PDB file of N, CA and C in Angstrom:
ATOM      1  N   UNK A   1     -17.191   7.203  -3.206  1.00  0.00           N
ATOM      2  CA  UNK A   1     -15.792   7.130  -3.405  1.00  0.00           C
ATOM      3  C   UNK A   1     -15.236   7.208  -1.885  1.00  0.00           C
ATOM      4  N   UNK A   2     -14.124   6.393  -1.594  1.00  0.00           N
ATOM      5  CA  UNK A   2     -13.497   6.268  -0.391  1.00  0.00           C
ATOM      6  C   UNK A   2     -12.156   6.919  -0.428  1.00  0.00           C
ATOM      7  N   UNK A   3     -11.756   7.784   0.537  1.00  0.00           N
ATOM      8  CA  UNK A   3     -10.473   8.356   0.649  1.00  0.00           C
ATOM      9  C   UNK A   3      -9.608   7.363   1.417  1.00  0.00           C
ATOM     10  N   UNK A   4      -8.622   6.640   0.804  1.00  0.00           N
ATOM     11  CA  UNK A   4      -7.794   5.731   1.484  1.00  0.00           C
ATOM     12  C   UNK A   4      -6.449   6.195   1.857  1.00  0.00           C
ATOM     13  N   UNK A   5      -5.968   7.349   1.258  1.00  0.00           N
ATOM     14  CA  UNK A   5      -4.671   7.871   1.677  1.00  0.00           C
ATOM     15  C   UNK A   5      -4.499   9.278   1.062  1.00  0.00           C
ATOM     16  N   UNK A   6      -3.575   9.967   1.697  1.00  0.00           N
ATOM     17  CA  UNK A   6      -3.298  11.323   1.138  1.00  0.00           C
ATOM     18  C   UNK A   6      -1.745  11.406   0.772  1.00  0.00           C
ATOM     19  N   UNK A   7      -1.267  12.543   0.226  1.00  0.00           N
ATOM     20  CA  UNK A   7       0.147  12.574  -0.266  1.00  0.00           C
ATOM     21  C   UNK A   7       0.380  11.631  -1.242  1.00  0.00           C
ATOM     22  N   UNK A   8      -0.454  11.325  -2.223  1.00  0.00           N
ATOM     23  CA  UNK A   8      -0.333  10.344  -3.207  1.00  0.00           C
ATOM     24  C   UNK A   8      -0.524  11.009  -4.597  1.00  0.00           C
ATOM     25  N   UNK A   9       0.394  10.759  -5.597  1.00  0.00           N
ATOM     26  CA  UNK A   9       0.342  11.222  -6.924  1.00  0.00           C
ATOM     27  C   UNK A   9       0.423   9.987  -7.811  1.00  0.00           C
ATOM     28  N   UNK A  10      -0.155   9.953  -8.938  1.00  0.00           N
ATOM     29  CA  UNK A  10      -0.146   8.912  -9.981  1.00  0.00           C
ATOM     30  C   UNK A  10      -0.523   7.562  -9.478  1.00  0.00           C
ATOM     31  N   UNK A  11      -1.645   7.456  -8.841  1.00  0.00           N
ATOM     32  CA  UNK A  11      -1.965   6.179  -8.385  1.00  0.00           C
ATOM     33  C   UNK A  11      -2.337   5.188  -9.467  1.00  0.00           C
ATOM     34  N   UNK A  12      -1.889   3.956  -9.332  1.00  0.00           N
ATOM     35  CA  UNK A  12      -2.132   2.927 -10.303  1.00  0.00           C
ATOM     36  C   UNK A  12      -2.604   1.622  -9.480  1.00  0.00           C
ATOM     37  N   UNK A  13      -3.584   0.930  -9.969  1.00  0.00           N
ATOM     38  CA  UNK A  13      -3.938  -0.389  -9.313  1.00  0.00           C
ATOM     39  C   UNK A  13      -2.941  -1.409  -9.759  1.00  0.00           C
ATOM     40  N   UNK A  14      -2.567  -2.345  -8.818  1.00  0.00           N
ATOM     41  CA  UNK A  14      -1.744  -3.574  -9.202  1.00  0.00           C
ATOM     42  C   UNK A  14      -2.631  -4.373 -10.143  1.00  0.00           C
ATOM     43  N   UNK A  15      -1.916  -5.352 -10.785  1.00  0.00           N
ATOM     44  CA  UNK A  15      -2.531  -6.265 -11.700  1.00  0.00           C
ATOM     45  C   UNK A  15      -3.782  -7.079 -11.076  1.00  0.00           C
ATOM     46  N   UNK A  16      -3.422  -7.352  -9.734  1.00  0.00           N
ATOM     47  CA  UNK A  16      -4.395  -8.238  -9.038  1.00  0.00           C
ATOM     48  C   UNK A  16      -5.513  -7.403  -8.275  1.00  0.00           C
ATOM     49  N   UNK A  17      -5.442  -6.088  -8.448  1.00  0.00           N
ATOM     50  CA  UNK A  17      -6.512  -5.159  -7.831  1.00  0.00           C
ATOM     51  C   UNK A  17      -6.374  -5.053  -6.381  1.00  0.00           C
ATOM     52  N   UNK A  18      -5.338  -5.586  -5.759  1.00  0.00           N
ATOM     53  CA  UNK A  18      -5.238  -5.579  -4.195  1.00  0.00           C
ATOM     54  C   UNK A  18      -4.324  -4.466  -3.646  1.00  0.00           C
ATOM     55  N   UNK A  19      -3.630  -3.769  -4.519  1.00  0.00           N
ATOM     56  CA  UNK A  19      -2.755  -2.724  -4.101  1.00  0.00           C
ATOM     57  C   UNK A  19      -2.794  -1.492  -4.928  1.00  0.00           C
ATOM     58  N   UNK A  20      -2.490  -0.369  -4.257  1.00  0.00           N
ATOM     59  CA  UNK A  20      -2.460   0.945  -5.006  1.00  0.00           C
ATOM     60  C   UNK A  20      -0.932   1.247  -5.032  1.00  0.00           C
ATOM     61  N   UNK A  21      -0.389   1.467  -6.158  1.00  0.00           N
ATOM     62  CA  UNK A  21       0.985   1.852  -6.294  1.00  0.00           C
ATOM     63  C   UNK A  21       0.916   3.285  -6.642  1.00  0.00           C
ATOM     64  N   UNK A  22       1.856   4.158  -5.945  1.00  0.00           N
ATOM     65  CA  UNK A  22       1.686   5.517  -6.176  1.00  0.00           C
ATOM     66  C   UNK A  22       3.039   6.232  -5.875  1.00  0.00           C
ATOM     67  N   UNK A  23       3.107   7.501  -6.173  1.00  0.00           N
ATOM     68  CA  UNK A  23       4.336   8.350  -5.836  1.00  0.00           C
ATOM     69  C   UNK A  23       3.919   9.279  -4.689  1.00  0.00           C
ATOM     70  N   UNK A  24       4.857   9.347  -3.751  1.00  0.00           N
ATOM     71  CA  UNK A  24       4.700  10.294  -2.607  1.00  0.00           C
ATOM     72  C   UNK A  24       6.004  10.747  -2.114  1.00  0.00           C
ATOM     73  N   UNK A  25       5.873  12.033  -1.661  1.00  0.00           N
ATOM     74  CA  UNK A  25       7.063  12.580  -0.993  1.00  0.00           C
ATOM     75  C   UNK A  25       7.002  12.662   0.496  1.00  0.00           C
ATOM     76  N   UNK A  26       6.152  11.654   1.016  1.00  0.00           N
ATOM     77  CA  UNK A  26       5.894  11.634   2.449  1.00  0.00           C
ATOM     78  C   UNK A  26       7.134  11.596   3.284  1.00  0.00           C
ATOM     79  N   UNK A  27       8.282  11.107   2.859  1.00  0.00           N
ATOM     80  CA  UNK A  27       9.457  11.079   3.670  1.00  0.00           C
ATOM     81  C   UNK A  27      10.590  11.965   3.017  1.00  0.00           C
ATOM     82  N   UNK A  28      10.107  13.026   2.182  1.00  0.00           N
ATOM     83  CA  UNK A  28      11.076  13.903   1.696  1.00  0.00           C
ATOM     84  C   UNK A  28      11.204  13.882   0.208  1.00  0.00           C
ATOM     85  N   UNK A  29      11.729  12.874  -0.384  1.00  0.00           N
ATOM     86  CA  UNK A  29      11.950  12.759  -1.858  1.00  0.00           C
ATOM     87  C   UNK A  29      10.941  11.962  -2.469  1.00  0.00           C
ATOM     88  N   UNK A  30      10.369  12.252  -3.702  1.00  0.00           N
ATOM     89  CA  UNK A  30       9.398  11.463  -4.354  1.00  0.00           C
ATOM     90  C   UNK A  30       9.963  10.149  -4.585  1.00  0.00           C
ATOM     91  N   UNK A  31       9.142   9.137  -4.144  1.00  0.00           N
ATOM     92  CA  UNK A  31       9.401   7.694  -4.392  1.00  0.00           C
ATOM     93  C   UNK A  31       8.208   6.853  -4.547  1.00  0.00           C
ATOM     94  N   UNK A  32       8.454   5.651  -4.982  1.00  0.00           N
ATOM     95  CA  UNK A  32       7.292   4.658  -5.259  1.00  0.00           C
ATOM     96  C   UNK A  32       6.801   3.981  -3.969  1.00  0.00           C
ATOM     97  N   UNK A  33       5.519   3.984  -3.661  1.00  0.00           N
ATOM     98  CA  UNK A  33       4.965   3.426  -2.541  1.00  0.00           C
ATOM     99  C   UNK A  33       3.885   2.452  -2.824  1.00  0.00           C
ATOM    100  N   UNK A  34       3.383   1.648  -2.029  1.00  0.00           N
ATOM    101  CA  UNK A  34       2.201   0.858  -2.204  1.00  0.00           C
ATOM    102  C   UNK A  34       1.388   0.800  -0.955  1.00  0.00           C
ATOM    103  N   UNK A  35       0.053   0.555  -1.233  1.00  0.00           N
ATOM    104  CA  UNK A  35      -0.798   0.367  -0.092  1.00  0.00           C
ATOM    105  C   UNK A  35      -1.757  -0.760  -0.470  1.00  0.00           C
ATOM    106  N   UNK A  36      -1.802  -1.697   0.491  1.00  0.00           N
ATOM    107  CA  UNK A  36      -2.696  -2.938   0.420  1.00  0.00           C
ATOM    108  C   UNK A  36      -4.183  -2.394   0.559  1.00  0.00           C
ATOM    109  N   UNK A  37      -5.088  -2.972  -0.231  1.00  0.00           N
ATOM    110  CA  UNK A  37      -6.552  -2.530  -0.119  1.00  0.00           C
ATOM    111  C   UNK A  37      -7.383  -3.763   0.087  1.00  0.00           C
ATOM    112  N   UNK A  38      -8.236  -3.677   0.994  1.00  0.00           N
ATOM    113  CA  UNK A  38      -9.177  -4.810   1.215  1.00  0.00           C
ATOM    114  C   UNK A  38     -10.219  -4.836   0.056  1.00  0.00           C
ATOM    115  N   UNK A  39     -10.212  -5.897  -0.685  1.00  0.00           N
ATOM    116  CA  UNK A  39     -11.094  -5.984  -1.866  1.00  0.00           C
ATOM    117  C   UNK A  39     -12.589  -6.030  -1.536  1.00  0.00           C
ATOM    118  N   UNK A  40     -12.859  -6.383  -0.345  1.00  0.00           N
ATOM    119  CA  UNK A  40     -14.308  -6.467   0.101  1.00  0.00           C
ATOM    120  C   UNK A  40     -14.901  -5.099   0.417  1.00  0.00           C
ATOM    121  N   UNK A  41     -14.001  -4.252   1.100  1.00  0.00           N
ATOM    122  CA  UNK A  41     -14.511  -3.059   1.616  1.00  0.00           C
ATOM    123  C   UNK A  41     -13.943  -1.749   0.901  1.00  0.00           C
ATOM    124  N   UNK A  42     -12.779  -1.948   0.226  1.00  0.00           N
ATOM    125  CA  UNK A  42     -12.194  -0.836  -0.317  1.00  0.00           C
ATOM    126  C   UNK A  42     -11.303  -0.062   0.593  1.00  0.00           C
ATOM    127  N   UNK A  43     -11.197  -0.497   1.799  1.00  0.00           N
ATOM    128  CA  UNK A  43     -10.413   0.275   2.843  1.00  0.00           C
ATOM    129  C   UNK A  43      -8.943  -0.216   2.817  1.00  0.00           C
ATOM    130  N   UNK A  44      -8.135   0.665   3.311  1.00  0.00           N
ATOM    131  CA  UNK A  44      -6.634   0.513   3.397  1.00  0.00           C
ATOM    132  C   UNK A  44      -6.392  -0.562   4.407  1.00  0.00           C
ATOM    133  N   UNK A  45      -5.461  -1.452   4.132  1.00  0.00           N
ATOM    134  CA  UNK A  45      -4.949  -2.464   5.165  1.00  0.00           C
ATOM    135  C   UNK A  45      -3.553  -2.092   5.515  1.00  0.00           C
ATOM    136  N   UNK A  46      -3.558  -1.528   6.747  1.00  0.00           N
ATOM    137  CA  UNK A  46      -2.217  -1.128   7.280  1.00  0.00           C
ATOM    138  C   UNK A  46      -1.696   0.299   6.621  1.00  0.00           C
ATOM    139  N   UNK A  47      -0.439   0.465   6.695  1.00  0.00           N
ATOM    140  CA  UNK A  47       0.157   1.799   6.299  1.00  0.00           C
ATOM    141  C   UNK A  47       0.861   1.480   4.976  1.00  0.00           C
ATOM    142  N   UNK A  48       1.081   2.714   4.192  1.00  0.00           N
ATOM    143  CA  UNK A  48       1.777   2.430   2.923  1.00  0.00           C
ATOM    144  C   UNK A  48       3.136   2.025   3.194  1.00  0.00           C
ATOM    145  N   UNK A  49       3.717   1.194   2.283  1.00  0.00           N
ATOM    146  CA  UNK A  49       4.981   0.565   2.220  1.00  0.00           C
ATOM    147  C   UNK A  49       5.875   1.144   1.086  1.00  0.00           C
ATOM    148  N   UNK A  50       7.057   1.591   1.478  1.00  0.00           N
ATOM    149  CA  UNK A  50       7.910   2.207   0.434  1.00  0.00           C
ATOM    150  C   UNK A  50       8.472   0.998  -0.473  1.00  0.00           C
ATOM    151  N   UNK A  51       8.382   1.257  -1.830  1.00  0.00           N
ATOM    152  CA  UNK A  51       8.966   0.437  -2.720  1.00  0.00           C
ATOM    153  C   UNK A  51      10.329   0.851  -3.206  1.00  0.00           C
ATOM    154  N   UNK A  52      10.552   2.050  -3.200  1.00  0.00           N
ATOM    155  CA  UNK A  52      11.904   2.668  -3.576  1.00  0.00           C
ATOM    156  C   UNK A  52      12.353   3.694  -2.657  1.00  0.00           C
ATOM    157  N   UNK A  53      13.639   3.921  -2.604  1.00  0.00           N
ATOM    158  CA  UNK A  53      14.144   5.008  -1.717  1.00  0.00           C
ATOM    159  C   UNK A  53      15.149   5.794  -2.588  1.00  0.00           C
ATOM    160  N   UNK A  54      15.073   7.086  -2.537  1.00  0.00           N
ATOM    161  CA  UNK A  54      16.012   7.945  -3.206  1.00  0.00           C
ATOM    162  C   UNK A  54      15.946   7.857  -4.798  1.00  0.00           C
ATOM    163  N   UNK A  55      14.788   7.250  -5.241  1.00  0.00           N
ATOM    164  CA  UNK A  55      14.616   7.154  -6.768  1.00  0.00           C
ATOM    165  C   UNK A  55      14.279   8.530  -7.293  1.00  0.00           C
ATOM    166  N   UNK A  56      13.512   9.287  -6.679  1.00  0.00           N
ATOM    167  CA  UNK A  56      13.094  10.636  -7.156  1.00  0.00           C
ATOM    168  C   UNK A  56      12.199  10.523  -8.354  1.00  0.00           C
ATOM    169  N   UNK A  57      11.344   9.521  -8.406  1.00  0.00           N
ATOM    170  CA  UNK A  57      10.418   9.314  -9.534  1.00  0.00           C
ATOM    171  C   UNK A  57       9.387  10.503  -9.551  1.00  0.00           C
ATOM    172  N   UNK A  58       9.033  10.927 -10.782  1.00  0.00           N
ATOM    173  CA  UNK A  58       7.925  11.910 -10.879  1.00  0.00           C
ATOM    174  C   UNK A  58       6.701  11.387 -11.596  1.00  0.00           C
ATOM    175  N   UNK A  59       6.910  10.327 -12.378  1.00  0.00           N
ATOM    176  CA  UNK A  59       5.734   9.602 -12.934  1.00  0.00           C
ATOM    177  C   UNK A  59       6.208   8.178 -13.136  1.00  0.00           C
ATOM    178  N   UNK A  60       5.290   7.254 -13.348  1.00  0.00           N
ATOM    179  CA  UNK A  60       5.595   5.852 -13.626  1.00  0.00           C
ATOM    180  C   UNK A  60       4.403   5.189 -14.308  1.00  0.00           C
ATOM    181  N   UNK A  61       4.745   3.917 -14.840  1.00  0.00           N
ATOM    182  CA  UNK A  61       3.746   3.121 -15.419  1.00  0.00           C
ATOM    183  C   UNK A  61       4.027   1.657 -14.939  1.00  0.00           C
ATOM    184  N   UNK A  62       3.109   0.797 -14.553  1.00  0.00           N
ATOM    185  CA  UNK A  62       3.324  -0.493 -14.137  1.00  0.00           C
ATOM    186  C   UNK A  62       3.328  -1.422 -15.320  1.00  0.00           C
ATOM    187  N   UNK A  63       4.307  -2.467 -15.442  1.00  0.00           N
ATOM    188  CA  UNK A  63       4.209  -3.441 -16.489  1.00  0.00           C
ATOM    189  C   UNK A  63       2.933  -4.170 -16.263  1.00  0.00           C
ATOM    190  N   UNK A  64       2.511  -4.768 -17.449  1.00  0.00           N
ATOM    191  CA  UNK A  64       1.231  -5.599 -17.454  1.00  0.00           C
ATOM    192  C   UNK A  64       1.230  -6.663 -16.331  1.00  0.00           C
ATOM    193  N   UNK A  65       2.408  -7.295 -16.063  1.00  0.00           N
ATOM    194  CA  UNK A  65       2.325  -8.283 -15.103  1.00  0.00           C
ATOM    195  C   UNK A  65       2.493  -7.692 -13.614  1.00  0.00           C
ATOM    196  N   UNK A  66       2.829  -6.471 -13.518  1.00  0.00           N
ATOM    197  CA  UNK A  66       2.948  -5.781 -12.141  1.00  0.00           C
ATOM    198  C   UNK A  66       4.237  -5.997 -11.444  1.00  0.00           C
ATOM    199  N   UNK A  67       5.219  -6.580 -12.216  1.00  0.00           N
ATOM    200  CA  UNK A  67       6.526  -6.888 -11.608  1.00  0.00           C
ATOM    201  C   UNK A  67       7.549  -5.722 -11.665  1.00  0.00           C
ATOM    202  N   UNK A  68       7.261  -4.850 -12.665  1.00  0.00           N
ATOM    203  CA  UNK A  68       8.225  -3.757 -12.844  1.00  0.00           C
ATOM    204  C   UNK A  68       7.508  -2.448 -13.053  1.00  0.00           C
ATOM    205  N   UNK A  69       8.264  -1.425 -12.654  1.00  0.00           N
ATOM    206  CA  UNK A  69       7.598  -0.044 -13.008  1.00  0.00           C
ATOM    207  C   UNK A  69       8.587   0.674 -13.974  1.00  0.00           C
ATOM    208  N   UNK A  70       8.015   1.441 -14.855  1.00  0.00           N
ATOM    209  CA  UNK A  70       8.635   2.195 -15.778  1.00  0.00           C
ATOM    210  C   UNK A  70       8.648   3.567 -15.154  1.00  0.00           C
ATOM    211  N   UNK A  71       9.712   3.995 -14.510  1.00  0.00           N
ATOM    212  CA  UNK A  71       9.703   5.279 -13.772  1.00  0.00           C
ATOM    213  C   UNK A  71      10.470   6.386 -14.537  1.00  0.00           C
ATOM    214  N   UNK A  72      10.024   7.656 -14.347  1.00  0.00           N
ATOM    215  CA  UNK A  72      10.663   8.770 -14.855  1.00  0.00           C
ATOM    216  C   UNK A  72      11.340   9.487 -13.741  1.00  0.00           C
ATOM    217  N   UNK A  73      12.583   9.690 -13.871  1.00  0.00           N
ATOM    218  CA  UNK A  73      13.369  10.418 -12.871  1.00  0.00           C
ATOM    219  C   UNK A  73      13.807  11.801 -13.491  1.00  0.00           C
ATOM    220  N   UNK A  74      13.517  12.894 -12.848  1.00  0.00           N
ATOM    221  CA  UNK A  74      13.791  14.141 -13.368  1.00  0.00           C
ATOM    222  C   UNK A  74      14.866  14.902 -12.560  1.00  0.00           C
ATOM    223  N   UNK A  75      15.776  15.529 -13.241  1.00  0.00           N
ATOM    224  CA  UNK A  75      16.840  16.370 -12.606  1.00  0.00           C
ATOM    225  C   UNK A  75      17.387  17.269 -13.639  1.00  0.00           C
ATOM    226  N   UNK A  76      16.517  18.269 -13.988  1.00  0.00           N
ATOM    227  CA  UNK A  76      16.999  19.142 -15.220  1.00  0.00           C
ATOM    228  C   UNK A  76      16.495  18.436 -16.518  1.00  0.00           C
ATOM    229  N   UNK A  77      17.106  17.236 -16.718  1.00  0.00           N
ATOM    230  CA  UNK A  77      16.602  16.392 -17.826  1.00  0.00           C
ATOM    231  C   UNK A  77      15.782  15.324 -17.135  1.00  0.00           C
ATOM    232  N   UNK A  78      15.304  14.430 -17.970  1.00  0.00           N
ATOM    233  CA  UNK A  78      14.527  13.288 -17.362  1.00  0.00           C
ATOM    234  C   UNK A  78      14.954  12.080 -18.144  1.00  0.00           C
ATOM    235  N   UNK A  79      14.824  10.878 -17.460  1.00  0.00           N
ATOM    236  CA  UNK A  79      15.224   9.619 -18.076  1.00  0.00           C
ATOM    237  C   UNK A  79      14.249   8.601 -17.601  1.00  0.00           C
ATOM    238  N   UNK A  80      14.178   7.555 -18.464  1.00  0.00           N
ATOM    239  CA  UNK A  80      13.288   6.421 -18.072  1.00  0.00           C
ATOM    240  C   UNK A  80      14.134   5.347 -17.437  1.00  0.00           C
ATOM    241  N   UNK A  81      13.546   4.697 -16.363  1.00  0.00           N
ATOM    242  CA  UNK A  81      14.206   3.592 -15.603  1.00  0.00           C
ATOM    243  C   UNK A  81      13.241   2.483 -15.520  1.00  0.00           C
ATOM    244  N   UNK A  82      13.723   1.318 -15.715  1.00  0.00           N
ATOM    245  CA  UNK A  82      13.016   0.068 -15.453  1.00  0.00           C
ATOM    246  C   UNK A  82      13.337  -0.360 -14.075  1.00  0.00           C
ATOM    247  N   UNK A  83      12.300  -0.364 -13.063  1.00  0.00           N
ATOM    248  CA  UNK A  83      12.567  -0.684 -11.750  1.00  0.00           C
ATOM    249  C   UNK A  83      11.820  -1.939 -11.263  1.00  0.00           C
ATOM    250  N   UNK A  84      12.550  -3.031 -10.768  1.00  0.00           N
ATOM    251  CA  UNK A  84      11.981  -4.166 -10.352  1.00  0.00           C
ATOM    252  C   UNK A  84      11.068  -3.972  -9.202  1.00  0.00           C
ATOM    253  N   UNK A  85       9.900  -4.456  -9.012  1.00  0.00           N
ATOM    254  CA  UNK A  85       9.047  -4.275  -7.787  1.00  0.00           C
ATOM    255  C   UNK A  85       9.093  -5.643  -7.081  1.00  0.00           C
ATOM    256  N   UNK A  86       9.616  -5.673  -5.871  1.00  0.00           N
ATOM    257  CA  UNK A  86       9.806  -6.887  -5.138  1.00  0.00           C
ATOM    258  C   UNK A  86       9.603  -6.597  -3.700  1.00  0.00           C
ATOM    259  N   UNK A  87       9.763  -7.569  -2.803  1.00  0.00           N
ATOM    260  CA  UNK A  87       9.434  -7.510  -1.378  1.00  0.00           C
ATOM    261  C   UNK A  87      10.353  -6.332  -0.675  1.00  0.00           C
ATOM    262  N   UNK A  88      11.656  -6.410  -1.221  1.00  0.00           N
ATOM    263  CA  UNK A  88      12.624  -5.500  -0.618  1.00  0.00           C
ATOM    264  C   UNK A  88      12.632  -4.132  -1.412  1.00  0.00           C
ATOM    265  N   UNK A  89      12.595  -2.986  -0.674  1.00  0.00           N
ATOM    266  CA  UNK A  89      12.631  -1.753  -1.444  1.00  0.00           C
ATOM    267  C   UNK A  89      13.779  -1.494  -2.182  1.00  0.00           C
ATOM    268  N   UNK A  90      13.765  -0.923  -3.417  1.00  0.00           N
ATOM    269  CA  UNK A  90      14.823  -0.454  -4.141  1.00  0.00           C
ATOM    270  C   UNK A  90      15.455   0.705  -3.467  1.00  0.00           C
ATOM    271  N   UNK A  91      16.753   0.742  -3.006  1.00  0.00           N
ATOM    272  CA  UNK A  91      17.261   1.716  -2.269  1.00  0.00           C
ATOM    273  C   UNK A  91      18.234   2.608  -3.178  1.00  0.00           C
ATOM    274  N   UNK A  92      18.575   2.090  -4.246  1.00  0.00           N
ATOM    275  CA  UNK A  92      19.404   2.897  -5.193  1.00  0.00           C
ATOM    276  C   UNK A  92      18.983   2.296  -6.648  1.00  0.00           C
ATOM    277  N   UNK A  93      19.527   2.952  -7.680  1.00  0.00           N
ATOM    278  CA  UNK A  93      19.203   2.514  -8.970  1.00  0.00           C
ATOM    279  C   UNK A  93      20.128   1.363  -9.464  1.00  0.00           C
ATOM    280  N   UNK A  94      20.999   0.829  -8.733  1.00  0.00           N
ATOM    281  CA  UNK A  94      21.823  -0.224  -9.120  1.00  0.00           C
ATOM    282  C   UNK A  94      21.152  -1.372  -9.634  1.00  0.00           C
ATOM    283  N   UNK A  95      19.995  -1.811  -9.052  1.00  0.00           N
ATOM    284  CA  UNK A  95      19.173  -2.939  -9.512  1.00  0.00           C
ATOM    285  C   UNK A  95      18.232  -2.542 -10.604  1.00  0.00           C
ATOM    286  N   UNK A  96      18.268  -1.315 -11.049  1.00  0.00           N
ATOM    287  CA  UNK A  96      17.387  -0.802 -12.118  1.00  0.00           C
ATOM    288  C   UNK A  96      18.132  -0.728 -13.311  1.00  0.00           C
ATOM    289  N   UNK A  97      17.418  -0.456 -14.397  1.00  0.00           N
ATOM    290  CA  UNK A  97      17.979  -0.277 -15.726  1.00  0.00           C
ATOM    291  C   UNK A  97      17.562   1.079 -16.378  1.00  0.00           C
ATOM    292  N   UNK A  98      18.515   1.879 -16.691  1.00  0.00           N
ATOM    293  CA  UNK A  98      18.354   3.199 -17.291  1.00  0.00           C
ATOM    294  C   UNK A  98      18.118   2.894 -18.750  1.00  0.00           C
ATOM    295  N   UNK A  99      16.902   3.282 -19.319  1.00  0.00           N
ATOM    296  CA  UNK A  99      16.502   2.987 -20.578  1.00  0.00           C
ATOM    297  C   UNK A  99      16.708   4.254 -21.573  1.00  0.00           C
ATOM    298  N   UNK A 100      16.804   5.434 -21.099  1.00  0.00           N
ATOM    299  CA  UNK A 100      16.942   6.525 -22.045  1.00  0.00           C
ATOM    300  C   UNK A 100      18.113   7.411 -21.361  1.00  0.00           C
ATOM    301  N   UNK A 101      18.779   8.262 -22.191  1.00  0.00           N
ATOM    302  CA  UNK A 101      19.813   9.148 -21.776  1.00  0.00           C
ATOM    303  C   UNK A 101      19.798  10.334 -22.694  1.00  0.00           C
ATOM    304  N   UNK A 102      20.589  11.350 -22.406  1.00  0.00           N
ATOM    305  CA  UNK A 102      20.818  12.521 -23.172  1.00  0.00           C
ATOM    306  C   UNK A 102      20.130  13.737 -22.545  1.00  0.00           C
ATOM    307  N   UNK A 103      20.256  14.885 -23.268  1.00  0.00           N
ATOM    308  CA  UNK A 103      19.823  16.140 -22.694  1.00  0.00           C
ATOM    309  C   UNK A 103      18.337  16.255 -23.173  1.00  0.00           C
ATOM    310  N   UNK A 104      17.393  15.382 -22.713  1.00  0.00           N
ATOM    311  CA  UNK A 104      16.080  15.309 -23.244  1.00  0.00           C
ATOM    312  C   UNK A 104      15.188  15.203 -21.937  1.00  0.00           C
ATOM    313  N   UNK A 105      13.881  15.456 -22.159  1.00  0.00           N
ATOM    314  CA  UNK A 105      12.909  15.249 -21.159  1.00  0.00           C
ATOM    315  C   UNK A 105      11.992  14.149 -21.540  1.00  0.00           C
ATOM    316  N   UNK A 106      12.174  12.976 -20.968  1.00  0.00           N
ATOM    317  CA  UNK A 106      11.237  11.849 -21.285  1.00  0.00           C
ATOM    318  C   UNK A 106      10.204  11.784 -20.206  1.00  0.00           C
ATOM    319  N   UNK A 107       8.952  11.770 -20.629  1.00  0.00           N
ATOM    320  CA  UNK A 107       7.708  11.757 -19.709  1.00  0.00           C
ATOM    321  C   UNK A 107       6.727  10.787 -20.270  1.00  0.00           C
ATOM    322  N   UNK A 108       5.682  10.614 -19.502  1.00  0.00           N
ATOM    323  CA  UNK A 108       4.382   9.890 -19.750  1.00  0.00           C
ATOM    324  C   UNK A 108       4.745   8.595 -20.381  1.00  0.00           C
ATOM    325  N   UNK A 109       5.619   7.786 -19.674  1.00  0.00           N
ATOM    326  CA  UNK A 109       5.966   6.430 -20.049  1.00  0.00           C
ATOM    327  C   UNK A 109       4.792   5.523 -20.014  1.00  0.00           C
ATOM    328  N   UNK A 110       4.716   4.620 -20.893  1.00  0.00           N
ATOM    329  CA  UNK A 110       3.740   3.456 -20.996  1.00  0.00           C
ATOM    330  C   UNK A 110       4.430   2.188 -21.478  1.00  0.00           C
ATOM    331  N   UNK A 111       3.936   1.062 -20.907  1.00  0.00           N
ATOM    332  CA  UNK A 111       4.336  -0.284 -21.404  1.00  0.00           C
ATOM    333  C   UNK A 111       3.498  -0.729 -22.604  1.00  0.00           C
ATOM    334  N   UNK A 112       4.128  -1.308 -23.435  1.00  0.00           N
ATOM    335  CA  UNK A 112       3.391  -2.008 -24.525  1.00  0.00           C
ATOM    336  C   UNK A 112       2.462  -3.143 -24.018  1.00  0.00           C
ATOM    337  N   UNK A 113       1.416  -3.592 -24.592  1.00  0.00           N
ATOM    338  CA  UNK A 113       0.531  -4.646 -23.976  1.00  0.00           C
ATOM    339  C   UNK A 113       1.253  -5.910 -23.756  1.00  0.00           C
ATOM    340  N   UNK A 114       2.365  -6.241 -24.452  1.00  0.00           N
ATOM    341  CA  UNK A 114       3.105  -7.482 -24.170  1.00  0.00           C
ATOM    342  C   UNK A 114       4.114  -7.370 -23.054  1.00  0.00           C
ATOM    343  N   UNK A 115       4.382  -6.232 -22.550  1.00  0.00           N
ATOM    344  CA  UNK A 115       5.372  -5.912 -21.428  1.00  0.00           C
ATOM    345  C   UNK A 115       6.762  -5.839 -21.906  1.00  0.00           C
ATOM    346  N   UNK A 116       6.949  -5.855 -23.208  1.00  0.00           N
ATOM    347  CA  UNK A 116       8.370  -5.827 -23.784  1.00  0.00           C
ATOM    348  C   UNK A 116       8.878  -4.378 -23.990  1.00  0.00           C
TER     349      UNK A 116
END
């Protein structure tokens, strides 16, 4: 086993197996990050790249195609958000879609196999 990064929670492999997507509070607030991995050696290629800023995600699940994350944001209650994963970091939730609401705690999100 190879240690490729620290300060990472909930790591998931991307659909192509070349990136690790994870939650880290390395810059203060928990957000989504990614790290490119060399498929030949399993070593990190460069430094982690922020995918979201000020999201405050505590858990997440990747869509089957890897283009979106189903993120849980907790602030007393918790809600599910669909967050697009693209080249530009998500800096607020305006580009995201809140999927649940109310005085509940939504956790352990998962995508259906068809991604819908």
